[in-house]
Amino acid sequence: MDNDSVLPYLSTVIKSFNSMYLEFNSNYYLEHPNQLNLKKTYVSHCELDSNFNSTIITYLNCVPDFLFENNNYFELQTTKYGTFRARTKSLESLYVKIHHYSQKELTEGGAPINKCLNDLFGSRIILPHIRTKLDLITQMLANLKNSGIIWRYYIRDKNDNYFAIHCYFKQDNFTFPWELQIWDYNDEANNIKAHEAHEEQKRVTI
């Protein structure tokens, strides 16, 4: 993939991902309406709530069935450019994250559910030239945010050898967000190591 192809292709990926997300929402919430405002409800309020836990399990079980027959998902998985990977969050990882954020609330204040559980379905696209095109990509993401396609995004570039752009998709405060990460090919190995270390750190709070 050459330099000039990165931006239009990435824009197509993001729009396709958003379309897939909205289609899932239209199907899922028709059968499983949610009255819980995920922005105003804190993680600590729900950590031990059996109804909330049941809702999460139902959600996680429905995502794979939807993806299996979704054309957008198939096209992303079979792309000839870069690598696309995706997963639904495991229950173990989910409960670790909920507990981690619940403990953080003790010192840092309330953590809304839609901030904690923003990657029940998470994916990453790994492409060349992300770093060299970062300014243009950031401008593109700002335009997509302004047009309502992306809810929010940020660049994570800390001193832990991890570099990625995290994009989140949210329809409203009653729908769980999805996450799409954008990685540069050259950062893949370091990102995986840093991610594994980050996940292990969360587990030590249990």
N, C-alpha and C. Protein backbone atom coordinates (compact mmCIF):
# COMPACT_ATOMS: atom_id res chain seq x y z
N MET A 1 0.85 -1.19 0.00
CA MET A 1 0.00 0.00 0.00
C MET A 1 0.89 1.24 0.00
N ASP A 2 0.67 2.14 -0.96
CA ASP A 2 1.51 3.33 -1.03
C ASP A 2 0.95 4.43 -0.13
N ASN A 3 1.76 5.48 0.04
CA ASN A 3 1.40 6.59 0.93
C ASN A 3 0.06 7.20 0.59
N ASP A 4 -0.21 7.36 -0.68
CA ASP A 4 -1.42 8.06 -1.12
C ASP A 4 -2.69 7.24 -0.90
N SER A 5 -2.54 5.94 -0.69
CA SER A 5 -3.71 5.07 -0.53
C SER A 5 -4.19 4.98 0.91
N VAL A 6 -3.34 5.36 1.86
CA VAL A 6 -3.65 5.15 3.27
C VAL A 6 -4.92 5.90 3.70
N LEU A 7 -4.98 7.20 3.43
CA LEU A 7 -6.10 8.00 3.92
C LEU A 7 -7.45 7.57 3.36
N PRO A 8 -7.59 7.46 2.04
CA PRO A 8 -8.91 7.05 1.53
C PRO A 8 -9.31 5.65 1.99
N TYR A 9 -8.34 4.75 2.11
CA TYR A 9 -8.67 3.40 2.56
C TYR A 9 -9.09 3.41 4.03
N LEU A 10 -8.35 4.13 4.86
CA LEU A 10 -8.69 4.20 6.28
C LEU A 10 -10.06 4.85 6.49
N SER A 11 -10.37 5.86 5.70
CA SER A 11 -11.68 6.50 5.79
C SER A 11 -12.79 5.50 5.44
N THR A 12 -12.54 4.67 4.44
CA THR A 12 -13.51 3.65 4.06
C THR A 12 -13.71 2.63 5.17
N VAL A 13 -12.62 2.21 5.79
CA VAL A 13 -12.69 1.26 6.90
C VAL A 13 -13.54 1.82 8.04
N ILE A 14 -13.28 3.05 8.41
CA ILE A 14 -13.99 3.67 9.53
C ILE A 14 -15.48 3.81 9.23
N LYS A 15 -15.81 4.23 8.04
CA LYS A 15 -17.23 4.36 7.67
C LYS A 15 -17.92 3.01 7.62
N SER A 16 -17.21 1.99 7.15
CA SER A 16 -17.77 0.65 7.10
C SER A 16 -17.98 0.11 8.51
N PHE A 17 -17.02 0.38 9.38
CA PHE A 17 -17.12 -0.07 10.77
C PHE A 17 -18.32 0.59 11.45
N ASN A 18 -18.50 1.88 11.21
CA ASN A 18 -19.63 2.59 11.80
C ASN A 18 -20.96 2.06 11.28
N SER A 19 -21.02 1.77 9.99
CA SER A 19 -22.25 1.21 9.43
C SER A 19 -22.59 -0.13 10.07
N MET A 20 -21.57 -0.93 10.29
CA MET A 20 -21.75 -2.23 10.93
C MET A 20 -22.26 -2.06 12.37
N TYR A 21 -21.67 -1.11 13.08
CA TYR A 21 -22.08 -0.82 14.45
C TYR A 21 -23.54 -0.39 14.52
N LEU A 22 -23.94 0.52 13.65
CA LEU A 22 -25.32 1.01 13.66
C LEU A 22 -26.31 -0.09 13.28
N GLU A 23 -25.91 -0.94 12.35
CA GLU A 23 -26.78 -2.05 11.97
C GLU A 23 -26.97 -3.01 13.13
N PHE A 24 -25.88 -3.30 13.84
CA PHE A 24 -26.01 -4.16 15.02
C PHE A 24 -26.96 -3.54 16.03
N ASN A 25 -26.80 -2.26 16.31
CA ASN A 25 -27.65 -1.59 17.29
C ASN A 25 -29.12 -1.67 16.91
N SER A 26 -29.41 -1.46 15.63
CA SER A 26 -30.81 -1.47 15.19
C SER A 26 -31.44 -2.84 15.39
N ASN A 27 -30.64 -3.89 15.28
CA ASN A 27 -31.15 -5.25 15.49
C ASN A 27 -31.20 -5.62 16.97
N TYR A 28 -30.10 -5.36 17.65
CA TYR A 28 -29.97 -5.82 19.04
C TYR A 28 -30.94 -5.11 19.98
N TYR A 29 -30.98 -3.78 19.92
CA TYR A 29 -31.78 -3.04 20.90
C TYR A 29 -33.28 -3.11 20.62
N LEU A 30 -33.63 -3.57 19.43
CA LEU A 30 -35.04 -3.82 19.16
C LEU A 30 -35.54 -4.97 20.01
N GLU A 31 -34.70 -5.97 20.19
CA GLU A 31 -35.06 -7.14 20.99
C GLU A 31 -34.66 -6.99 22.45
N HIS A 32 -33.65 -6.17 22.70
CA HIS A 32 -33.14 -6.02 24.07
C HIS A 32 -33.05 -4.53 24.42
N PRO A 33 -34.17 -3.86 24.58
CA PRO A 33 -34.14 -2.42 24.88
C PRO A 33 -33.42 -2.15 26.19
N ASN A 34 -32.65 -1.07 26.20
CA ASN A 34 -31.89 -0.68 27.39
C ASN A 34 -32.37 0.66 27.90
N GLN A 35 -32.77 0.70 29.18
CA GLN A 35 -33.24 1.94 29.79
C GLN A 35 -32.17 2.59 30.66
N LEU A 36 -31.00 1.96 30.73
CA LEU A 36 -29.93 2.44 31.60
C LEU A 36 -29.06 3.46 30.87
N ASN A 37 -28.97 4.66 31.41
CA ASN A 37 -28.11 5.69 30.83
C ASN A 37 -26.67 5.37 31.17
N LEU A 38 -25.90 4.96 30.18
CA LEU A 38 -24.55 4.48 30.40
C LEU A 38 -23.56 5.60 30.71
N LYS A 39 -23.97 6.83 30.48
CA LYS A 39 -23.11 7.97 30.80
C LYS A 39 -23.30 8.42 32.24
N LYS A 40 -24.49 8.19 32.78
CA LYS A 40 -24.81 8.69 34.11
C LYS A 40 -24.76 7.60 35.18
N THR A 41 -24.51 6.37 34.77
CA THR A 41 -24.44 5.26 35.72
C THR A 41 -22.99 4.85 35.89
N TYR A 42 -22.54 4.78 37.13
CA TYR A 42 -21.14 4.47 37.40
C TYR A 42 -20.91 2.96 37.50
N VAL A 43 -19.69 2.57 37.21
CA VAL A 43 -19.32 1.15 37.22
C VAL A 43 -19.58 0.53 38.59
N SER A 44 -19.25 1.24 39.64
CA SER A 44 -19.40 0.70 41.00
C SER A 44 -20.86 0.39 41.33
N HIS A 45 -21.80 1.06 40.65
CA HIS A 45 -23.22 0.81 40.90
C HIS A 45 -23.67 -0.54 40.31
N CYS A 46 -22.90 -1.04 39.36
CA CYS A 46 -23.34 -2.22 38.61
C CYS A 46 -22.45 -3.44 38.79
N GLU A 47 -21.32 -3.27 39.46
CA GLU A 47 -20.35 -4.37 39.52
C GLU A 47 -20.96 -5.66 40.05
N LEU A 48 -21.82 -5.55 41.05
CA LEU A 48 -22.41 -6.74 41.68
C LEU A 48 -23.89 -6.88 41.35
N ASP A 49 -24.34 -6.20 40.32
CA ASP A 49 -25.76 -6.22 39.93
C ASP A 49 -25.98 -7.38 38.97
N SER A 50 -26.77 -8.37 39.38
CA SER A 50 -26.98 -9.56 38.56
C SER A 50 -27.71 -9.25 37.26
N ASN A 51 -28.64 -8.29 37.29
CA ASN A 51 -29.36 -7.93 36.06
C ASN A 51 -28.42 -7.29 35.05
N PHE A 52 -27.53 -6.43 35.53
CA PHE A 52 -26.58 -5.80 34.63
C PHE A 52 -25.62 -6.84 34.06
N ASN A 53 -25.13 -7.73 34.89
CA ASN A 53 -24.22 -8.77 34.42
C ASN A 53 -24.89 -9.66 33.38
N SER A 54 -26.17 -9.95 33.59
CA SER A 54 -26.91 -10.75 32.62
C SER A 54 -27.05 -10.01 31.29
N THR A 55 -27.25 -8.70 31.36
CA THR A 55 -27.35 -7.88 30.15
C THR A 55 -26.05 -7.93 29.35
N ILE A 56 -24.92 -7.82 30.04
CA ILE A 56 -23.63 -7.86 29.38
C ILE A 56 -23.39 -9.20 28.70
N ILE A 57 -23.74 -10.28 29.39
CA ILE A 57 -23.54 -11.62 28.82
C ILE A 57 -24.39 -11.79 27.56
N THR A 58 -25.63 -11.32 27.61
CA THR A 58 -26.50 -11.39 26.44
C THR A 58 -25.91 -10.61 25.28
N TYR A 59 -25.40 -9.43 25.57
CA TYR A 59 -24.79 -8.58 24.53
C TYR A 59 -23.61 -9.30 23.88
N LEU A 60 -22.72 -9.83 24.71
CA LEU A 60 -21.53 -10.50 24.20
C LEU A 60 -21.87 -11.72 23.37
N ASN A 61 -22.95 -12.40 23.71
CA ASN A 61 -23.37 -13.57 22.95
C ASN A 61 -24.00 -13.22 21.61
N CYS A 62 -24.60 -12.03 21.53
CA CYS A 62 -25.28 -11.64 20.30
C CYS A 62 -24.33 -11.09 19.24
N VAL A 63 -23.23 -10.48 19.66
CA VAL A 63 -22.31 -9.87 18.69
C VAL A 63 -21.76 -10.86 17.68
N PRO A 64 -21.21 -12.02 18.10
CA PRO A 64 -20.64 -12.94 17.11
C PRO A 64 -21.66 -13.43 16.09
N ASP A 65 -22.89 -13.69 16.53
CA ASP A 65 -23.93 -14.15 15.60
C ASP A 65 -24.21 -13.10 14.53
N PHE A 66 -24.23 -11.85 14.95
CA PHE A 66 -24.45 -10.77 14.00
C PHE A 66 -23.29 -10.66 13.00
N LEU A 67 -22.08 -10.70 13.51
CA LEU A 67 -20.90 -10.54 12.66
C LEU A 67 -20.77 -11.66 11.63
N PHE A 68 -21.20 -12.85 12.01
CA PHE A 68 -21.04 -14.01 11.15
C PHE A 68 -21.73 -13.81 9.79
N GLU A 69 -22.82 -13.05 9.77
CA GLU A 69 -23.58 -12.86 8.54
C GLU A 69 -23.50 -11.44 8.00
N ASN A 70 -22.57 -10.64 8.53
CA ASN A 70 -22.50 -9.24 8.14
C ASN A 70 -21.50 -9.03 7.01
N ASN A 71 -21.94 -8.41 5.91
CA ASN A 71 -21.07 -8.21 4.75
C ASN A 71 -19.92 -7.25 5.04
N ASN A 72 -20.19 -6.20 5.81
CA ASN A 72 -19.12 -5.26 6.14
C ASN A 72 -18.00 -5.95 6.91
N TYR A 73 -18.39 -6.80 7.85
CA TYR A 73 -17.38 -7.52 8.64
C TYR A 73 -16.56 -8.44 7.76
N PHE A 74 -17.22 -9.12 6.84
CA PHE A 74 -16.51 -10.03 5.93
C PHE A 74 -15.51 -9.26 5.07
N GLU A 75 -15.91 -8.12 4.57
CA GLU A 75 -15.01 -7.31 3.74
C GLU A 75 -13.81 -6.81 4.52
N LEU A 76 -14.02 -6.44 5.79
CA LEU A 76 -12.90 -5.99 6.62
C LEU A 76 -11.93 -7.14 6.90
N GLN A 77 -12.48 -8.32 7.16
CA GLN A 77 -11.65 -9.48 7.47
C GLN A 77 -10.83 -9.94 6.26
N THR A 78 -11.33 -9.70 5.08
CA THR A 78 -10.67 -10.20 3.87
C THR A 78 -9.96 -9.09 3.11
N THR A 79 -9.65 -8.00 3.78
CA THR A 79 -9.03 -6.87 3.10
C THR A 79 -7.67 -7.24 2.52
N LYS A 80 -7.35 -6.65 1.39
CA LYS A 80 -6.03 -6.89 0.78
C LYS A 80 -5.01 -5.89 1.29
N TYR A 81 -5.46 -4.90 2.04
CA TYR A 81 -4.55 -3.90 2.61
C TYR A 81 -4.42 -4.14 4.11
N GLY A 82 -3.22 -4.26 4.59
CA GLY A 82 -3.00 -4.34 6.02
C GLY A 82 -3.63 -5.57 6.65
N THR A 83 -3.88 -5.47 7.96
CA THR A 83 -4.45 -6.57 8.73
C THR A 83 -5.58 -6.04 9.60
N PHE A 84 -6.70 -6.73 9.60
CA PHE A 84 -7.83 -6.38 10.44
C PHE A 84 -8.07 -7.52 11.42
N ARG A 85 -8.11 -7.18 12.71
CA ARG A 85 -8.36 -8.18 13.74
C ARG A 85 -9.46 -7.67 14.66
N ALA A 86 -10.25 -8.59 15.18
CA ALA A 86 -11.37 -8.18 16.03
C ALA A 86 -11.68 -9.28 17.03
N ARG A 87 -12.34 -8.85 18.12
CA ARG A 87 -12.76 -9.81 19.14
C ARG A 87 -13.88 -9.20 19.98
N THR A 88 -14.73 -10.07 20.53
CA THR A 88 -15.63 -9.64 21.59
C THR A 88 -14.89 -9.88 22.90
N LYS A 89 -15.16 -9.06 23.87
CA LYS A 89 -14.42 -9.13 25.13
C LYS A 89 -14.78 -10.41 25.88
N SER A 90 -13.78 -11.08 26.43
CA SER A 90 -14.02 -12.28 27.23
C SER A 90 -14.60 -11.87 28.58
N LEU A 91 -15.34 -12.80 29.20
CA LEU A 91 -15.94 -12.49 30.50
C LEU A 91 -14.86 -12.23 31.55
N GLU A 92 -13.77 -12.98 31.50
CA GLU A 92 -12.69 -12.76 32.47
C GLU A 92 -12.14 -11.34 32.34
N SER A 93 -11.81 -10.96 31.11
CA SER A 93 -11.27 -9.62 30.88
C SER A 93 -12.29 -8.55 31.25
N LEU A 94 -13.55 -8.83 30.98
CA LEU A 94 -14.62 -7.88 31.30
C LEU A 94 -14.69 -7.62 32.80
N TYR A 95 -14.72 -8.69 33.59
CA TYR A 95 -14.87 -8.52 35.03
C TYR A 95 -13.61 -7.90 35.65
N VAL A 96 -12.45 -8.21 35.09
CA VAL A 96 -11.22 -7.57 35.55
C VAL A 96 -11.31 -6.06 35.33
N LYS A 97 -11.79 -5.67 34.16
CA LYS A 97 -11.88 -4.25 33.83
C LYS A 97 -12.90 -3.54 34.71
N ILE A 98 -14.05 -4.16 34.91
CA ILE A 98 -15.08 -3.56 35.75
C ILE A 98 -14.54 -3.35 37.17
N HIS A 99 -13.88 -4.36 37.71
CA HIS A 99 -13.35 -4.25 39.06
C HIS A 99 -12.25 -3.20 39.13
N HIS A 100 -11.41 -3.16 38.11
CA HIS A 100 -10.33 -2.17 38.05
C HIS A 100 -10.89 -0.75 38.10
N TYR A 101 -11.90 -0.47 37.30
CA TYR A 101 -12.49 0.87 37.29
C TYR A 101 -13.26 1.15 38.57
N SER A 102 -13.88 0.13 39.14
CA SER A 102 -14.60 0.32 40.39
C SER A 102 -13.65 0.72 41.50
N GLN A 103 -12.46 0.12 41.52
CA GLN A 103 -11.46 0.49 42.52
C GLN A 103 -10.92 1.90 42.28
N LYS A 104 -10.77 2.27 41.01
CA LYS A 104 -10.29 3.62 40.69
C LYS A 104 -11.26 4.69 41.17
N GLU A 105 -12.54 4.34 41.20
CA GLU A 105 -13.54 5.30 41.65
C GLU A 105 -13.29 5.75 43.09
N LEU A 106 -12.67 4.89 43.88
CA LEU A 106 -12.43 5.21 45.29
C LEU A 106 -11.50 6.41 45.44
N THR A 107 -10.60 6.60 44.47
CA THR A 107 -9.63 7.69 44.57
C THR A 107 -9.81 8.76 43.50
N GLU A 108 -10.44 8.40 42.38
CA GLU A 108 -10.51 9.34 41.25
C GLU A 108 -11.93 9.78 40.91
N GLY A 109 -12.92 9.30 41.65
CA GLY A 109 -14.30 9.68 41.35
C GLY A 109 -14.97 8.69 40.42
N GLY A 110 -16.26 8.93 40.16
CA GLY A 110 -17.07 8.00 39.41
C GLY A 110 -16.60 7.76 37.99
N ALA A 111 -16.69 6.49 37.57
CA ALA A 111 -16.33 6.09 36.21
C ALA A 111 -17.59 5.63 35.49
N PRO A 112 -18.08 6.40 34.51
CA PRO A 112 -19.30 6.00 33.79
C PRO A 112 -19.11 4.68 33.05
N ILE A 113 -20.18 3.94 32.91
CA ILE A 113 -20.12 2.65 32.23
C ILE A 113 -19.61 2.80 30.81
N ASN A 114 -20.07 3.84 30.10
CA ASN A 114 -19.67 3.95 28.68
C ASN A 114 -18.21 4.36 28.52
N LYS A 115 -17.54 4.73 29.61
CA LYS A 115 -16.11 4.97 29.54
C LYS A 115 -15.34 3.69 29.83
N CYS A 116 -15.86 2.92 30.77
CA CYS A 116 -15.21 1.65 31.14
C CYS A 116 -15.46 0.58 30.08
N LEU A 117 -16.73 0.36 29.73
CA LEU A 117 -17.09 -0.71 28.80
C LEU A 117 -17.26 -0.14 27.39
N ASN A 118 -16.15 0.38 26.87
CA ASN A 118 -16.19 0.99 25.53
C ASN A 118 -15.61 0.09 24.45
N ASP A 119 -15.34 -1.17 24.81
CA ASP A 119 -14.73 -2.09 23.84
C ASP A 119 -15.28 -3.50 23.98
N LEU A 120 -16.59 -3.62 24.26
CA LEU A 120 -17.18 -4.96 24.30
C LEU A 120 -16.95 -5.65 22.96
N PHE A 121 -17.00 -4.87 21.88
CA PHE A 121 -16.47 -5.34 20.61
C PHE A 121 -15.32 -4.41 20.23
N GLY A 122 -14.13 -4.96 20.12
CA GLY A 122 -12.96 -4.16 19.81
C GLY A 122 -12.23 -4.72 18.61
N SER A 123 -11.60 -3.84 17.86
CA SER A 123 -10.89 -4.28 16.66
C SER A 123 -9.68 -3.38 16.43
N ARG A 124 -8.81 -3.83 15.54
CA ARG A 124 -7.66 -3.00 15.17
C ARG A 124 -7.37 -3.20 13.69
N ILE A 125 -6.97 -2.12 13.06
CA ILE A 125 -6.51 -2.17 11.67
C ILE A 125 -5.03 -1.79 11.70
N ILE A 126 -4.20 -2.64 11.11
CA ILE A 126 -2.75 -2.42 11.13
C ILE A 126 -2.30 -2.12 9.70
N LEU A 127 -1.75 -0.91 9.52
CA LEU A 127 -1.41 -0.42 8.19
C LEU A 127 -0.03 0.24 8.18
N PRO A 128 0.58 0.35 7.01
CA PRO A 128 1.83 1.11 6.91
C PRO A 128 1.54 2.61 6.84
N HIS A 129 2.58 3.41 7.11
CA HIS A 129 2.56 4.87 6.91
C HIS A 129 1.65 5.61 7.89
N ILE A 130 1.21 4.97 8.97
CA ILE A 130 0.33 5.67 9.92
C ILE A 130 1.07 6.81 10.61
N ARG A 131 2.28 6.54 11.05
CA ARG A 131 3.04 7.59 11.73
C ARG A 131 3.41 8.73 10.77
N THR A 132 3.81 8.38 9.56
CA THR A 132 4.26 9.42 8.63
C THR A 132 3.09 10.26 8.12
N LYS A 133 1.89 9.71 8.20
CA LYS A 133 0.69 10.44 7.76
C LYS A 133 -0.15 10.92 8.94
N LEU A 134 0.44 10.97 10.12
CA LEU A 134 -0.35 11.20 11.33
C LEU A 134 -1.12 12.52 11.30
N ASP A 135 -0.49 13.59 10.84
CA ASP A 135 -1.19 14.89 10.81
C ASP A 135 -2.42 14.83 9.91
N LEU A 136 -2.28 14.22 8.75
CA LEU A 136 -3.40 14.12 7.83
C LEU A 136 -4.48 13.18 8.37
N ILE A 137 -4.04 12.11 9.01
CA ILE A 137 -5.01 11.17 9.60
C ILE A 137 -5.78 11.83 10.73
N THR A 138 -5.09 12.61 11.55
CA THR A 138 -5.76 13.31 12.65
C THR A 138 -6.81 14.28 12.12
N GLN A 139 -6.49 14.99 11.05
CA GLN A 139 -7.46 15.90 10.44
C GLN A 139 -8.66 15.14 9.88
N MET A 140 -8.39 13.99 9.27
CA MET A 140 -9.47 13.17 8.74
C MET A 140 -10.39 12.70 9.87
N LEU A 141 -9.79 12.27 10.98
CA LEU A 141 -10.58 11.81 12.12
C LEU A 141 -11.41 12.94 12.71
N ALA A 142 -10.84 14.14 12.75
CA ALA A 142 -11.60 15.29 13.24
C ALA A 142 -12.83 15.55 12.37
N ASN A 143 -12.65 15.41 11.06
CA ASN A 143 -13.78 15.60 10.14
C ASN A 143 -14.84 14.52 10.35
N LEU A 144 -14.39 13.29 10.56
CA LEU A 144 -15.33 12.19 10.78
C LEU A 144 -16.07 12.35 12.10
N LYS A 145 -15.39 12.88 13.10
CA LYS A 145 -16.03 13.16 14.38
C LYS A 145 -17.08 14.26 14.22
N ASN A 146 -16.72 15.30 13.51
CA ASN A 146 -17.65 16.41 13.29
C ASN A 146 -18.89 15.98 12.50
N SER A 147 -18.72 14.98 11.66
CA SER A 147 -19.85 14.49 10.87
C SER A 147 -20.65 13.41 11.60
N GLY A 148 -20.24 13.07 12.82
CA GLY A 148 -21.00 12.13 13.63
C GLY A 148 -20.67 10.67 13.39
N ILE A 149 -19.65 10.38 12.62
CA ILE A 149 -19.29 8.98 12.34
C ILE A 149 -18.49 8.40 13.50
N ILE A 150 -17.56 9.19 14.05
CA ILE A 150 -16.79 8.78 15.22
C ILE A 150 -17.30 9.55 16.43
N TRP A 151 -17.42 8.87 17.55
CA TRP A 151 -17.83 9.53 18.80
C TRP A 151 -16.66 10.32 19.36
N ARG A 152 -15.50 9.67 19.52
CA ARG A 152 -14.30 10.34 19.98
C ARG A 152 -13.08 9.53 19.55
N TYR A 153 -11.93 10.14 19.62
CA TYR A 153 -10.68 9.45 19.30
C TYR A 153 -9.54 10.12 20.05
N TYR A 154 -8.47 9.39 20.23
CA TYR A 154 -7.28 9.98 20.82
C TYR A 154 -6.06 9.18 20.38
N ILE A 155 -4.91 9.83 20.43
CA ILE A 155 -3.64 9.18 20.11
C ILE A 155 -2.97 8.81 21.41
N ARG A 156 -2.67 7.53 21.58
CA ARG A 156 -1.97 7.10 22.78
C ARG A 156 -0.51 6.90 22.42
N ASP A 157 0.33 7.73 23.00
CA ASP A 157 1.77 7.69 22.72
C ASP A 157 2.50 8.02 24.01
N LYS A 158 2.63 7.01 24.87
CA LYS A 158 3.25 7.21 26.16
C LYS A 158 4.64 6.58 26.17
N ASN A 159 5.24 6.56 27.34
CA ASN A 159 6.59 6.01 27.46
C ASN A 159 6.61 4.52 27.73
N ASP A 160 5.63 3.80 27.18
CA ASP A 160 5.57 2.35 27.39
C ASP A 160 5.71 1.59 26.07
N ASN A 161 6.27 2.27 25.06
CA ASN A 161 6.50 1.65 23.74
C ASN A 161 5.20 1.28 23.04
N TYR A 162 4.12 1.96 23.39
CA TYR A 162 2.84 1.71 22.74
C TYR A 162 2.42 2.97 21.98
N PHE A 163 2.08 2.77 20.70
CA PHE A 163 1.60 3.89 19.89
C PHE A 163 0.40 3.42 19.07
N ALA A 164 -0.72 4.10 19.23
CA ALA A 164 -1.92 3.73 18.47
C ALA A 164 -2.92 4.87 18.52
N ILE A 165 -3.82 4.86 17.56
CA ILE A 165 -4.95 5.78 17.55
C ILE A 165 -6.18 4.97 17.94
N HIS A 166 -6.88 5.41 18.98
CA HIS A 166 -8.08 4.72 19.46
C HIS A 166 -9.31 5.51 19.01
N CYS A 167 -10.20 4.86 18.29
CA CYS A 167 -11.44 5.49 17.82
C CYS A 167 -12.63 4.78 18.46
N TYR A 168 -13.59 5.55 18.92
CA TYR A 168 -14.78 4.98 19.55
C TYR A 168 -16.05 5.41 18.81
N PHE A 169 -16.99 4.47 18.77
CA PHE A 169 -18.25 4.67 18.06
C PHE A 169 -19.38 4.51 19.08
N LYS A 170 -20.23 5.51 19.18
CA LYS A 170 -21.34 5.46 20.12
C LYS A 170 -22.55 6.14 19.49
N GLN A 171 -23.67 5.46 19.52
CA GLN A 171 -24.88 6.02 18.92
C GLN A 171 -25.54 7.03 19.87
N ASP A 172 -25.68 6.64 21.13
CA ASP A 172 -26.25 7.53 22.14
C ASP A 172 -25.85 6.99 23.51
N ASN A 173 -26.38 7.58 24.57
CA ASN A 173 -25.98 7.19 25.92
C ASN A 173 -26.63 5.90 26.40
N PHE A 174 -27.43 5.27 25.56
CA PHE A 174 -28.09 4.03 25.94
C PHE A 174 -27.56 2.83 25.13
N THR A 175 -26.54 3.06 24.33
CA THR A 175 -25.95 1.99 23.53
C THR A 175 -24.47 1.84 23.89
N PHE A 176 -24.01 0.60 24.01
CA PHE A 176 -22.61 0.35 24.33
C PHE A 176 -21.72 0.76 23.15
N PRO A 177 -20.60 1.42 23.44
CA PRO A 177 -19.68 1.80 22.36
C PRO A 177 -18.91 0.61 21.80
N TRP A 178 -18.36 0.80 20.61
CA TRP A 178 -17.39 -0.12 20.01
C TRP A 178 -16.08 0.63 19.79
N GLU A 179 -14.99 -0.13 19.71
CA GLU A 179 -13.67 0.49 19.55
C GLU A 179 -12.97 -0.03 18.30
N LEU A 180 -12.29 0.88 17.61
CA LEU A 180 -11.40 0.54 16.50
C LEU A 180 -10.06 1.21 16.76
N GLN A 181 -9.00 0.40 16.84
CA GLN A 181 -7.65 0.93 17.01
C GLN A 181 -6.93 0.93 15.66
N ILE A 182 -6.12 1.96 15.45
CA ILE A 182 -5.33 2.09 14.23
C ILE A 182 -3.86 1.98 14.63
N TRP A 183 -3.18 0.97 14.10
CA TRP A 183 -1.78 0.73 14.40
C TRP A 183 -0.93 0.90 13.15
N ASP A 184 0.31 1.28 13.37
CA ASP A 184 1.30 1.27 12.30
C ASP A 184 1.98 -0.10 12.31
N TYR A 185 2.26 -0.63 11.11
CA TYR A 185 2.95 -1.92 11.01
C TYR A 185 4.17 -1.99 11.93
N ASN A 186 4.94 -0.92 11.95
CA ASN A 186 6.21 -0.93 12.67
C ASN A 186 6.05 -0.96 14.19
N ASP A 187 4.84 -0.71 14.66
CA ASP A 187 4.59 -0.70 16.11
C ASP A 187 3.93 -1.98 16.61
N GLU A 188 3.61 -2.91 15.73
CA GLU A 188 2.80 -4.05 16.12
C GLU A 188 3.42 -4.86 17.26
N ALA A 189 4.68 -5.24 17.14
CA ALA A 189 5.31 -6.09 18.15
C ALA A 189 5.35 -5.39 19.51
N ASN A 190 5.78 -4.13 19.53
CA ASN A 190 5.85 -3.39 20.80
C ASN A 190 4.46 -3.16 21.40
N ASN A 191 3.48 -2.90 20.54
CA ASN A 191 2.12 -2.67 21.04
C ASN A 191 1.55 -3.91 21.73
N ILE A 192 1.80 -5.06 21.15
CA ILE A 192 1.29 -6.31 21.74
C ILE A 192 1.91 -6.53 23.11
N LYS A 193 3.22 -6.32 23.22
CA LYS A 193 3.89 -6.49 24.51
C LYS A 193 3.35 -5.50 25.54
N ALA A 194 3.20 -4.25 25.13
CA ALA A 194 2.71 -3.23 26.05
C ALA A 194 1.27 -3.50 26.48
N HIS A 195 0.46 -3.97 25.55
CA HIS A 195 -0.93 -4.29 25.87
C HIS A 195 -1.00 -5.43 26.88
N GLU A 196 -0.20 -6.46 26.70
CA GLU A 196 -0.20 -7.59 27.62
C GLU A 196 0.24 -7.15 29.02
N ALA A 197 1.23 -6.26 29.08
CA ALA A 197 1.69 -5.75 30.38
C ALA A 197 0.60 -4.92 31.05
N HIS A 198 -0.14 -4.14 30.25
CA HIS A 198 -1.22 -3.31 30.78
C HIS A 198 -2.34 -4.17 31.35
N GLU A 199 -2.70 -5.24 30.65
CA GLU A 199 -3.75 -6.13 31.12
C GLU A 199 -3.33 -6.83 32.40
N GLU A 200 -2.07 -7.23 32.47
CA GLU A 200 -1.58 -7.90 33.69
C GLU A 200 -1.61 -6.95 34.88
N GLN A 201 -1.31 -5.69 34.64
CA GLN A 201 -1.33 -4.70 35.72
C GLN A 201 -2.73 -4.54 36.31
N LYS A 202 -3.75 -4.60 35.44
CA LYS A 202 -5.12 -4.49 35.93
C LYS A 202 -5.50 -5.66 36.81
N ARG A 203 -4.95 -6.83 36.50
CA ARG A 203 -5.30 -8.03 37.26
C ARG A 203 -4.77 -7.99 38.69
N VAL A 204 -3.72 -7.23 38.93
CA VAL A 204 -3.14 -7.21 40.28
C VAL A 204 -4.05 -6.50 41.27
N THR A 205 -5.08 -5.81 40.78
CA THR A 205 -6.00 -5.14 41.70
C THR A 205 -7.03 -6.09 42.28
N ILE A 206 -7.09 -7.30 41.72
CA ILE A 206 -8.11 -8.26 42.20
C ILE A 206 -7.62 -9.00 43.45
